[in-house]
Amino acid sequence: IAHSEKKAALANGEGCLSIRDEHEGIVPRYQRVRIKAYDL
């Protein structure tokens, strides 16, 4: 519902349970986010 303009990324890139291939590089994302959700 809201996010910063500033971006952040993990130094070594990201990984994923569903991706076995290598995909190296910076993954820019919002440094801050506000989320609305139902928390079980």
PDB file of all heavy atoms in Angstrom:
ATOM      1  N   ILE A   1       0.823  -1.216   0.000  1.00  0.00           N
ATOM      2  CA  ILE A   1       0.000   0.000   0.000  1.00  0.00           C
ATOM      3  C   ILE A   1       0.858   1.268   0.000  1.00  0.00           C
ATOM      4  O   ILE A   1       0.355   2.354  -0.259  1.00  0.00           O
ATOM      5  CB  ILE A   1      -1.009   0.007   1.172  1.00  0.00           C
ATOM      6  CG1 ILE A   1      -0.308  -0.143   2.518  1.00  0.00           C
ATOM      7  CG2 ILE A   1      -2.058  -1.085   0.979  1.00  0.00           C
ATOM      8  CD1 ILE A   1      -1.211   0.079   3.724  1.00  0.00           C
ATOM      9  N   ALA A   2       2.156   1.115   0.275  1.00  0.00           N
ATOM     10  CA  ALA A   2       3.088   2.240   0.203  1.00  0.00           C
ATOM     11  C   ALA A   2       4.502   1.679   0.096  1.00  0.00           C
ATOM     12  O   ALA A   2       4.769   0.568   0.548  1.00  0.00           O
ATOM     13  CB  ALA A   2       2.968   3.125   1.433  1.00  0.00           C
ATOM     14  N   HIS A   3       5.388   2.468  -0.515  1.00  0.00           N
ATOM     15  CA  HIS A   3       6.790   2.045  -0.625  1.00  0.00           C
ATOM     16  C   HIS A   3       7.694   3.254  -0.753  1.00  0.00           C
ATOM     17  O   HIS A   3       7.256   4.343  -1.122  1.00  0.00           O
ATOM     18  CB  HIS A   3       6.991   1.084  -1.808  1.00  0.00           C
ATOM     19  CG  HIS A   3       6.660   1.698  -3.136  1.00  0.00           C
ATOM     20  ND1 HIS A   3       7.521   2.549  -3.791  1.00  0.00           N
ATOM     21  CD2 HIS A   3       5.563   1.587  -3.910  1.00  0.00           C
ATOM     22  CE1 HIS A   3       6.972   2.938  -4.934  1.00  0.00           C
ATOM     23  NE2 HIS A   3       5.778   2.375  -5.019  1.00  0.00           N
ATOM     24  N   SER A   4       8.966   3.055  -0.442  1.00  0.00           N
ATOM     25  CA  SER A   4       9.964   4.114  -0.566  1.00  0.00           C
ATOM     26  C   SER A   4      10.346   4.290  -2.030  1.00  0.00           C
ATOM     27  O   SER A   4      10.122   3.408  -2.851  1.00  0.00           O
ATOM     28  CB  SER A   4      11.207   3.743   0.245  1.00  0.00           C
ATOM     29  OG  SER A   4      11.797   2.561  -0.298  1.00  0.00           O
ATOM     30  N   GLU A   5      10.923   5.434  -2.314  1.00  0.00           N
ATOM     31  CA  GLU A   5      11.510   5.639  -3.646  1.00  0.00           C
ATOM     32  C   GLU A   5      12.870   4.946  -3.704  1.00  0.00           C
ATOM     33  O   GLU A   5      13.268   4.420  -4.724  1.00  0.00           O
ATOM     34  CB  GLU A   5      11.668   7.138  -3.936  1.00  0.00           C
ATOM     35  CG  GLU A   5      10.355   7.850  -4.172  1.00  0.00           C
ATOM     36  CD  GLU A   5       9.554   7.269  -5.333  1.00  0.00           C
ATOM     37  OE1 GLU A   5      10.120   7.054  -6.412  1.00  0.00           O
ATOM     38  OE2 GLU A   5       8.345   7.013  -5.136  1.00  0.00           O
ATOM     39  N   LYS A   6      13.571   4.960  -2.562  1.00  0.00           N
ATOM     40  CA  LYS A   6      14.913   4.377  -2.468  1.00  0.00           C
ATOM     41  C   LYS A   6      14.849   2.875  -2.694  1.00  0.00           C
ATOM     42  O   LYS A   6      13.948   2.196  -2.216  1.00  0.00           O
ATOM     43  CB  LYS A   6      15.501   4.684  -1.078  1.00  0.00           C
ATOM     44  CG  LYS A   6      16.895   4.162  -0.845  1.00  0.00           C
ATOM     45  CD  LYS A   6      17.942   5.123  -1.337  1.00  0.00           C
ATOM     46  CE  LYS A   6      19.332   4.603  -0.985  1.00  0.00           C
ATOM     47  NZ  LYS A   6      20.287   4.794  -2.034  1.00  0.00           N
ATOM     48  N   LYS A   7      15.823   2.367  -3.435  1.00  0.00           N
ATOM     49  CA  LYS A   7      15.895   0.931  -3.727  1.00  0.00           C
ATOM     50  C   LYS A   7      16.989   0.276  -2.882  1.00  0.00           C
ATOM     51  O   LYS A   7      17.930   0.926  -2.442  1.00  0.00           O
ATOM     52  CB  LYS A   7      16.207   0.708  -5.216  1.00  0.00           C
ATOM     53  CG  LYS A   7      15.171   1.281  -6.166  1.00  0.00           C
ATOM     54  CD  LYS A   7      13.940   0.410  -6.239  1.00  0.00           C
ATOM     55  CE  LYS A   7      12.936   0.970  -7.204  1.00  0.00           C
ATOM     56  NZ  LYS A   7      12.460   0.050  -8.179  1.00  0.00           N
ATOM     57  N   ALA A   8      16.817  -1.033  -2.680  1.00  0.00           N
ATOM     58  CA  ALA A   8      17.808  -1.834  -1.957  1.00  0.00           C
ATOM     59  C   ALA A   8      17.939  -3.169  -2.676  1.00  0.00           C
ATOM     60  O   ALA A   8      17.038  -3.573  -3.427  1.00  0.00           O
ATOM     61  CB  ALA A   8      17.380  -2.047  -0.511  1.00  0.00           C
ATOM     62  N   ALA A   9      19.055  -3.847  -2.436  1.00  0.00           N
ATOM     63  CA  ALA A   9      19.278  -5.161  -3.045  1.00  0.00           C
ATOM     64  C   ALA A   9      20.253  -5.943  -2.182  1.00  0.00           C
ATOM     65  O   ALA A   9      21.051  -5.358  -1.446  1.00  0.00           O
ATOM     66  CB  ALA A   9      19.840  -5.005  -4.462  1.00  0.00           C
ATOM     67  N   LEU A  10      20.173  -7.253  -2.271  1.00  0.00           N
ATOM     68  CA  LEU A  10      21.119  -8.112  -1.553  1.00  0.00           C
ATOM     69  C   LEU A  10      22.456  -8.111  -2.294  1.00  0.00           C
ATOM     70  O   LEU A  10      22.495  -8.215  -3.523  1.00  0.00           O
ATOM     71  CB  LEU A  10      20.580  -9.534  -1.449  1.00  0.00           C
ATOM     72  CG  LEU A  10      19.260  -9.686  -0.690  1.00  0.00           C
ATOM     73  CD1 LEU A  10      18.817 -11.143  -0.682  1.00  0.00           C
ATOM     74  CD2 LEU A  10      19.384  -9.156   0.730  1.00  0.00           C
ATOM     75  N   ALA A  11      23.530  -8.040  -1.545  1.00  0.00           N
ATOM     76  CA  ALA A  11      24.869  -7.941  -2.128  1.00  0.00           C
ATOM     77  C   ALA A  11      25.186  -9.080  -3.093  1.00  0.00           C
ATOM     78  O   ALA A  11      25.828  -8.878  -4.125  1.00  0.00           O
ATOM     79  CB  ALA A  11      25.919  -7.892  -1.020  1.00  0.00           C
ATOM     80  N   ASN A  12      24.734 -10.296  -2.758  1.00  0.00           N
ATOM     81  CA  ASN A  12      25.050 -11.455  -3.591  1.00  0.00           C
ATOM     82  C   ASN A  12      23.909 -11.879  -4.502  1.00  0.00           C
ATOM     83  O   ASN A  12      23.902 -12.989  -5.019  1.00  0.00           O
ATOM     84  CB  ASN A  12      25.459 -12.633  -2.701  1.00  0.00           C
ATOM     85  CG  ASN A  12      26.715 -12.315  -1.913  1.00  0.00           C
ATOM     86  OD1 ASN A  12      27.648 -11.727  -2.444  1.00  0.00           O
ATOM     87  ND2 ASN A  12      26.724 -12.671  -0.647  1.00  0.00           N
ATOM     88  N   GLY A  13      22.928 -11.002  -4.689  1.00  0.00           N
ATOM     89  CA  GLY A  13      21.775 -11.358  -5.505  1.00  0.00           C
ATOM     90  C   GLY A  13      20.791 -12.198  -4.691  1.00  0.00           C
ATOM     91  O   GLY A  13      20.954 -12.371  -3.487  1.00  0.00           O
ATOM     92  N   GLU A  14      19.756 -12.703  -5.348  1.00  0.00           N
ATOM     93  CA  GLU A  14      18.720 -13.480  -4.662  1.00  0.00           C
ATOM     94  C   GLU A  14      18.717 -14.917  -5.158  1.00  0.00           C
ATOM     95  O   GLU A  14      19.207 -15.213  -6.246  1.00  0.00           O
ATOM     96  CB  GLU A  14      17.337 -12.867  -4.912  1.00  0.00           C
ATOM     97  CG  GLU A  14      17.154 -11.527  -4.246  1.00  0.00           C
ATOM     98  CD  GLU A  14      15.762 -10.942  -4.417  1.00  0.00           C
ATOM     99  OE1 GLU A  14      14.799 -11.691  -4.688  1.00  0.00           O
ATOM    100  OE2 GLU A  14      15.636  -9.712  -4.265  1.00  0.00           O
ATOM    101  N   GLY A  15      18.129 -15.778  -4.351  1.00  0.00           N
ATOM    102  CA  GLY A  15      17.918 -17.169  -4.731  1.00  0.00           C
ATOM    103  C   GLY A  15      16.448 -17.485  -4.555  1.00  0.00           C
ATOM    104  O   GLY A  15      15.683 -16.678  -4.040  1.00  0.00           O
ATOM    105  N   CYS A  16      16.045 -18.672  -4.992  1.00  0.00           N
ATOM    106  CA  CYS A  16      14.634 -19.031  -4.926  1.00  0.00           C
ATOM    107  C   CYS A  16      14.508 -20.543  -4.918  1.00  0.00           C
ATOM    108  O   CYS A  16      15.220 -21.237  -5.657  1.00  0.00           O
ATOM    109  CB  CYS A  16      13.910 -18.440  -6.140  1.00  0.00           C
ATOM    110  SG  CYS A  16      12.158 -18.808  -6.196  1.00  0.00           S
ATOM    111  N   LEU A  17      13.583 -21.057  -4.091  1.00  0.00           N
ATOM    112  CA  LEU A  17      13.336 -22.500  -4.042  1.00  0.00           C
ATOM    113  C   LEU A  17      12.944 -23.060  -5.405  1.00  0.00           C
ATOM    114  O   LEU A  17      13.224 -24.212  -5.715  1.00  0.00           O
ATOM    115  CB  LEU A  17      12.198 -22.801  -3.057  1.00  0.00           C
ATOM    116  CG  LEU A  17      12.458 -22.530  -1.584  1.00  0.00           C
ATOM    117  CD1 LEU A  17      11.170 -22.704  -0.789  1.00  0.00           C
ATOM    118  CD2 LEU A  17      13.537 -23.445  -1.055  1.00  0.00           C
ATOM    119  N   SER A  18      12.277 -22.239  -6.216  1.00  0.00           N
ATOM    120  CA  SER A  18      11.739 -22.709  -7.495  1.00  0.00           C
ATOM    121  C   SER A  18      12.688 -22.523  -8.669  1.00  0.00           C
ATOM    122  O   SER A  18      12.336 -22.850  -9.798  1.00  0.00           O
ATOM    123  CB  SER A  18      10.418 -21.985  -7.801  1.00  0.00           C
ATOM    124  OG  SER A  18       9.438 -22.348  -6.861  1.00  0.00           O
ATOM    125  N   ILE A  19      13.873 -21.982  -8.415  1.00  0.00           N
ATOM    126  CA  ILE A  19      14.805 -21.711  -9.514  1.00  0.00           C
ATOM    127  C   ILE A  19      16.135 -22.392  -9.209  1.00  0.00           C
ATOM    128  O   ILE A  19      16.823 -22.033  -8.253  1.00  0.00           O
ATOM    129  CB  ILE A  19      14.989 -20.197  -9.726  1.00  0.00           C
ATOM    130  CG1 ILE A  19      13.632 -19.577 -10.092  1.00  0.00           C
ATOM    131  CG2 ILE A  19      16.032 -19.923 -10.804  1.00  0.00           C
ATOM    132  CD1 ILE A  19      13.620 -18.081 -10.135  1.00  0.00           C
ATOM    133  N   ARG A  20      16.471 -23.360 -10.017  1.00  0.00           N
ATOM    134  CA  ARG A  20      17.730 -24.096  -9.804  1.00  0.00           C
ATOM    135  C   ARG A  20      18.860 -23.538 -10.659  1.00  0.00           C
ATOM    136  O   ARG A  20      20.028 -23.748 -10.364  1.00  0.00           O
ATOM    137  CB  ARG A  20      17.530 -25.589 -10.105  1.00  0.00           C
ATOM    138  CG  ARG A  20      16.436 -26.244  -9.255  1.00  0.00           C
ATOM    139  CD  ARG A  20      16.949 -26.730  -7.904  1.00  0.00           C
ATOM    140  NE  ARG A  20      15.880 -26.989  -6.942  1.00  0.00           N
ATOM    141  CZ  ARG A  20      15.231 -28.122  -6.806  1.00  0.00           C
ATOM    142  NH1 ARG A  20      15.511 -29.138  -7.589  1.00  0.00           N
ATOM    143  NH2 ARG A  20      14.288 -28.241  -5.899  1.00  0.00           N
ATOM    144  N   ASP A  21      18.523 -22.818 -11.757  1.00  0.00           N
ATOM    145  CA  ASP A  21      19.550 -22.222 -12.616  1.00  0.00           C
ATOM    146  C   ASP A  21      20.160 -21.000 -11.925  1.00  0.00           C
ATOM    147  O   ASP A  21      19.511 -20.359 -11.109  1.00  0.00           O
ATOM    148  CB  ASP A  21      18.957 -21.761 -13.958  1.00  0.00           C
ATOM    149  CG  ASP A  21      18.371 -22.905 -14.752  1.00  0.00           C
ATOM    150  OD1 ASP A  21      18.758 -24.074 -14.510  1.00  0.00           O
ATOM    151  OD2 ASP A  21      17.507 -22.645 -15.607  1.00  0.00           O
ATOM    152  N   GLU A  22      21.393 -20.680 -12.291  1.00  0.00           N
ATOM    153  CA  GLU A  22      22.050 -19.486 -11.759  1.00  0.00           C
ATOM    154  C   GLU A  22      21.526 -18.250 -12.491  1.00  0.00           C
ATOM    155  O   GLU A  22      21.426 -18.240 -13.717  1.00  0.00           O
ATOM    156  CB  GLU A  22      23.570 -19.576 -11.970  1.00  0.00           C
ATOM    157  CG  GLU A  22      24.263 -20.525 -11.017  1.00  0.00           C
ATOM    158  CD  GLU A  22      24.255 -20.036  -9.581  1.00  0.00           C
ATOM    159  OE1 GLU A  22      24.487 -18.842  -9.332  1.00  0.00           O
ATOM    160  OE2 GLU A  22      24.001 -20.868  -8.688  1.00  0.00           O
ATOM    161  N   HIS A  23      21.170 -17.227 -11.735  1.00  0.00           N
ATOM    162  CA  HIS A  23      20.770 -15.926 -12.282  1.00  0.00           C
ATOM    163  C   HIS A  23      21.467 -14.884 -11.425  1.00  0.00           C
ATOM    164  O   HIS A  23      20.909 -14.410 -10.438  1.00  0.00           O
ATOM    165  CB  HIS A  23      19.250 -15.737 -12.231  1.00  0.00           C
ATOM    166  CG  HIS A  23      18.500 -16.645 -13.119  1.00  0.00           C
ATOM    167  ND1 HIS A  23      18.308 -16.396 -14.473  1.00  0.00           N
ATOM    168  CD2 HIS A  23      17.901 -17.834 -12.874  1.00  0.00           C
ATOM    169  CE1 HIS A  23      17.608 -17.382 -15.005  1.00  0.00           C
ATOM    170  NE2 HIS A  23      17.361 -18.270 -14.061  1.00  0.00           N
ATOM    171  N   GLU A  24      22.699 -14.558 -11.804  1.00  0.00           N
ATOM    172  CA  GLU A  24      23.491 -13.640 -10.993  1.00  0.00           C
ATOM    173  C   GLU A  24      23.185 -12.198 -11.348  1.00  0.00           C
ATOM    174  O   GLU A  24      22.951 -11.866 -12.506  1.00  0.00           O
ATOM    175  CB  GLU A  24      24.978 -13.933 -11.182  1.00  0.00           C
ATOM    176  CG  GLU A  24      25.378 -15.278 -10.603  1.00  0.00           C
ATOM    177  CD  GLU A  24      26.884 -15.494 -10.609  1.00  0.00           C
ATOM    178  OE1 GLU A  24      27.623 -14.619 -11.094  1.00  0.00           O
ATOM    179  OE2 GLU A  24      27.303 -16.540 -10.102  1.00  0.00           O
ATOM    180  N   GLY A  25      23.206 -11.358 -10.303  1.00  0.00           N
ATOM    181  CA  GLY A  25      23.031  -9.926 -10.517  1.00  0.00           C
ATOM    182  C   GLY A  25      22.242  -9.288  -9.399  1.00  0.00           C
ATOM    183  O   GLY A  25      21.677  -9.954  -8.536  1.00  0.00           O
ATOM    184  N   ILE A  26      22.230  -7.961  -9.428  1.00  0.00           N
ATOM    185  CA  ILE A  26      21.516  -7.155  -8.450  1.00  0.00           C
ATOM    186  C   ILE A  26      20.025  -7.195  -8.774  1.00  0.00           C
ATOM    187  O   ILE A  26      19.630  -7.035  -9.925  1.00  0.00           O
ATOM    188  CB  ILE A  26      22.039  -5.691  -8.493  1.00  0.00           C
ATOM    189  CG1 ILE A  26      23.497  -5.627  -8.040  1.00  0.00           C
ATOM    190  CG2 ILE A  26      21.159  -4.754  -7.685  1.00  0.00           C
ATOM    191  CD1 ILE A  26      23.733  -5.910  -6.582  1.00  0.00           C
ATOM    192  N   VAL A  27      19.205  -7.412  -7.728  1.00  0.00           N
ATOM    193  CA  VAL A  27      17.747  -7.426  -7.881  1.00  0.00           C
ATOM    194  C   VAL A  27      17.213  -6.208  -7.125  1.00  0.00           C
ATOM    195  O   VAL A  27      16.999  -6.270  -5.912  1.00  0.00           O
ATOM    196  CB  VAL A  27      17.147  -8.740  -7.307  1.00  0.00           C
ATOM    197  CG1 VAL A  27      15.636  -8.750  -7.480  1.00  0.00           C
ATOM    198  CG2 VAL A  27      17.779  -9.955  -7.963  1.00  0.00           C
ATOM    199  N   PRO A  28      17.026  -5.081  -7.827  1.00  0.00           N
ATOM    200  CA  PRO A  28      16.582  -3.869  -7.133  1.00  0.00           C
ATOM    201  C   PRO A  28      15.132  -3.981  -6.657  1.00  0.00           C
ATOM    202  O   PRO A  28      14.252  -4.404  -7.402  1.00  0.00           O
ATOM    203  CB  PRO A  28      16.730  -2.761  -8.182  1.00  0.00           C
ATOM    204  CG  PRO A  28      16.807  -3.445  -9.493  1.00  0.00           C
ATOM    205  CD  PRO A  28      17.213  -4.862  -9.255  1.00  0.00           C
ATOM    206  N   ARG A  29      14.919  -3.622  -5.389  1.00  0.00           N
ATOM    207  CA  ARG A  29      13.579  -3.642  -4.789  1.00  0.00           C
ATOM    208  C   ARG A  29      13.423  -2.395  -3.927  1.00  0.00           C
ATOM    209  O   ARG A  29      14.405  -1.713  -3.626  1.00  0.00           O
ATOM    210  CB  ARG A  29      13.409  -4.891  -3.927  1.00  0.00           C
ATOM    211  CG  ARG A  29      13.535  -6.186  -4.733  1.00  0.00           C
ATOM    212  CD  ARG A  29      13.062  -7.360  -3.921  1.00  0.00           C
ATOM    213  NE  ARG A  29      13.156  -8.618  -4.626  1.00  0.00           N
ATOM    214  CZ  ARG A  29      12.216  -9.110  -5.428  1.00  0.00           C
ATOM    215  NH1 ARG A  29      11.121  -8.434  -5.658  1.00  0.00           N
ATOM    216  NH2 ARG A  29      12.375 -10.280  -6.013  1.00  0.00           N
ATOM    217  N   TYR A  30      12.198  -2.107  -3.509  1.00  0.00           N
ATOM    218  CA  TYR A  30      11.989  -0.972  -2.613  1.00  0.00           C
ATOM    219  C   TYR A  30      12.668  -1.252  -1.274  1.00  0.00           C
ATOM    220  O   TYR A  30      12.560  -2.352  -0.741  1.00  0.00           O
ATOM    221  CB  TYR A  30      10.497  -0.719  -2.382  1.00  0.00           C
ATOM    222  CG  TYR A  30       9.737  -0.447  -3.647  1.00  0.00           C
ATOM    223  CD1 TYR A  30       8.706  -1.284  -4.047  1.00  0.00           C
ATOM    224  CD2 TYR A  30      10.057   0.648  -4.456  1.00  0.00           C
ATOM    225  CE1 TYR A  30       8.003  -1.045  -5.222  1.00  0.00           C
ATOM    226  CE2 TYR A  30       9.369   0.888  -5.639  1.00  0.00           C
ATOM    227  CZ  TYR A  30       8.338   0.045  -6.013  1.00  0.00           C
ATOM    228  OH  TYR A  30       7.660   0.282  -7.175  1.00  0.00           O
ATOM    229  N   GLN A  31      13.342  -0.234  -0.737  1.00  0.00           N
ATOM    230  CA  GLN A  31      14.027  -0.405   0.546  1.00  0.00           C
ATOM    231  C   GLN A  31      13.026  -0.537   1.698  1.00  0.00           C
ATOM    232  O   GLN A  31      13.276  -1.241   2.673  1.00  0.00           O
ATOM    233  CB  GLN A  31      14.964   0.771   0.812  1.00  0.00           C
ATOM    234  CG  GLN A  31      15.788   0.574   2.072  1.00  0.00           C
ATOM    235  CD  GLN A  31      16.723   1.741   2.349  1.00  0.00           C
ATOM    236  OE1 GLN A  31      16.865   2.643   1.532  1.00  0.00           O
ATOM    237  NE2 GLN A  31      17.352   1.722   3.504  1.00  0.00           N
ATOM    238  N   ARG A  32      11.871   0.120   1.566  1.00  0.00           N
ATOM    239  CA  ARG A  32      10.814   0.044   2.589  1.00  0.00           C
ATOM    240  C   ARG A  32       9.474  -0.205   1.910  1.00  0.00           C
ATOM    241  O   ARG A  32       9.208   0.388   0.860  1.00  0.00           O
ATOM    242  CB  ARG A  32      10.717   1.353   3.375  1.00  0.00           C
ATOM    243  CG  ARG A  32      11.929   1.675   4.194  1.00  0.00           C
ATOM    244  CD  ARG A  32      11.799   3.079   4.810  1.00  0.00           C
ATOM    245  NE  ARG A  32      12.986   3.421   5.556  1.00  0.00           N
ATOM    246  CZ  ARG A  32      13.112   3.249   6.865  1.00  0.00           C
ATOM    247  NH1 ARG A  32      12.120   2.748   7.560  1.00  0.00           N
ATOM    248  NH2 ARG A  32      14.220   3.579   7.485  1.00  0.00           N
ATOM    249  N   VAL A  33       8.660  -1.050   2.519  1.00  0.00           N
ATOM    250  CA  VAL A  33       7.308  -1.279   2.020  1.00  0.00           C
ATOM    251  C   VAL A  33       6.325  -1.333   3.187  1.00  0.00           C
ATOM    252  O   VAL A  33       6.685  -1.725   4.296  1.00  0.00           O
ATOM    253  CB  VAL A  33       7.169  -2.585   1.186  1.00  0.00           C
ATOM    254  CG1 VAL A  33       7.919  -2.485  -0.125  1.00  0.00           C
ATOM    255  CG2 VAL A  33       7.600  -3.804   1.974  1.00  0.00           C
ATOM    256  N   ARG A  34       5.098  -0.935   2.898  1.00  0.00           N
ATOM    257  CA  ARG A  34       3.999  -1.114   3.853  1.00  0.00           C
ATOM    258  C   ARG A  34       3.009  -2.056   3.178  1.00  0.00           C
ATOM    259  O   ARG A  34       2.620  -1.847   2.028  1.00  0.00           O
ATOM    260  CB  ARG A  34       3.339   0.220   4.189  1.00  0.00           C
ATOM    261  CG  ARG A  34       2.325   0.072   5.321  1.00  0.00           C
ATOM    262  CD  ARG A  34       1.713   1.398   5.750  1.00  0.00           C
ATOM    263  NE  ARG A  34       2.736   2.391   6.018  1.00  0.00           N
ATOM    264  CZ  ARG A  34       2.665   3.661   5.603  1.00  0.00           C
ATOM    265  NH1 ARG A  34       1.635   4.090   4.924  1.00  0.00           N
ATOM    266  NH2 ARG A  34       3.628   4.495   5.897  1.00  0.00           N
ATOM    267  N   ILE A  35       2.643  -3.109   3.906  1.00  0.00           N
ATOM    268  CA  ILE A  35       1.792  -4.181   3.378  1.00  0.00           C
ATOM    269  C   ILE A  35       0.491  -4.223   4.171  1.00  0.00           C
ATOM    270  O   ILE A  35       0.512  -4.092   5.392  1.00  0.00           O
ATOM    271  CB  ILE A  35       2.486  -5.556   3.546  1.00  0.00           C
ATOM    272  CG1 ILE A  35       3.826  -5.600   2.836  1.00  0.00           C
ATOM    273  CG2 ILE A  35       1.593  -6.699   3.108  1.00  0.00           C
ATOM    274  CD1 ILE A  35       3.765  -5.788   1.374  1.00  0.00           C
ATOM    275  N   LYS A  36      -0.597  -4.435   3.455  1.00  0.00           N
ATOM    276  CA  LYS A  36      -1.867  -4.727   4.118  1.00  0.00           C
ATOM    277  C   LYS A  36      -2.208  -6.167   3.760  1.00  0.00           C
ATOM    278  O   LYS A  36      -2.114  -6.558   2.584  1.00  0.00           O
ATOM    279  CB  LYS A  36      -2.953  -3.776   3.623  1.00  0.00           C
ATOM    280  CG  LYS A  36      -4.220  -3.836   4.425  1.00  0.00           C
ATOM    281  CD  LYS A  36      -5.169  -2.737   3.984  1.00  0.00           C
ATOM    282  CE  LYS A  36      -6.129  -2.470   5.116  1.00  0.00           C
ATOM    283  NZ  LYS A  36      -6.877  -1.244   4.911  1.00  0.00           N
ATOM    284  N   ALA A  37      -2.564  -6.974   4.774  1.00  0.00           N
ATOM    285  CA  ALA A  37      -2.838  -8.393   4.547  1.00  0.00           C
ATOM    286  C   ALA A  37      -3.609  -8.948   5.738  1.00  0.00           C
ATOM    287  O   ALA A  37      -3.717  -8.304   6.780  1.00  0.00           O
ATOM    288  CB  ALA A  37      -1.527  -9.165   4.385  1.00  0.00           C
ATOM    289  N   TYR A  38      -4.097 -10.166   5.568  1.00  0.00           N
ATOM    290  CA  TYR A  38      -4.647 -10.911   6.693  1.00  0.00           C
ATOM    291  C   TYR A  38      -3.523 -11.806   7.187  1.00  0.00           C
ATOM    292  O   TYR A  38      -2.949 -12.573   6.407  1.00  0.00           O
ATOM    293  CB  TYR A  38      -5.844 -11.756   6.239  1.00  0.00           C
ATOM    294  CG  TYR A  38      -6.468 -12.542   7.375  1.00  0.00           C
ATOM    295  CD1 TYR A  38      -7.420 -11.954   8.203  1.00  0.00           C
ATOM    296  CD2 TYR A  38      -6.090 -13.856   7.631  1.00  0.00           C
ATOM    297  CE1 TYR A  38      -7.982 -12.664   9.258  1.00  0.00           C
ATOM    298  CE2 TYR A  38      -6.649 -14.580   8.678  1.00  0.00           C
ATOM    299  CZ  TYR A  38      -7.599 -13.973   9.486  1.00  0.00           C
ATOM    300  OH  TYR A  38      -8.144 -14.672  10.526  1.00  0.00           O
ATOM    301  N   ASP A  39      -3.173 -11.679   8.479  1.00  0.00           N
ATOM    302  CA  ASP A  39      -2.119 -12.511   9.056  1.00  0.00           C
ATOM    303  C   ASP A  39      -2.777 -13.654   9.820  1.00  0.00           C
ATOM    304  O   ASP A  39      -3.460 -13.431  10.820  1.00  0.00           O
ATOM    305  CB  ASP A  39      -1.229 -11.689   9.988  1.00  0.00           C
ATOM    306  CG  ASP A  39      -0.025 -12.478  10.506  1.00  0.00           C
ATOM    307  OD1 ASP A  39       0.089 -13.691  10.189  1.00  0.00           O
ATOM    308  OD2 ASP A  39       0.799 -11.902  11.222  1.00  0.00           O
ATOM    309  N   LEU A  40      -2.571 -14.864   9.318  1.00  0.00           N
ATOM    310  CA  LEU A  40      -3.176 -16.046   9.933  1.00  0.00           C
ATOM    311  C   LEU A  40      -2.683 -16.259  11.368  1.00  0.00           C
ATOM    312  O   LEU A  40      -3.417 -16.747  12.210  1.00  0.00           O
ATOM    313  CB  LEU A  40      -2.893 -17.284   9.075  1.00  0.00           C
ATOM    314  CG  LEU A  40      -3.581 -18.576   9.501  1.00  0.00           C
ATOM    315  CD1 LEU A  40      -5.104 -18.430   9.496  1.00  0.00           C
ATOM    316  CD2 LEU A  40      -3.162 -19.731   8.599  1.00  0.00           C
TER     317      LEU A  40
END
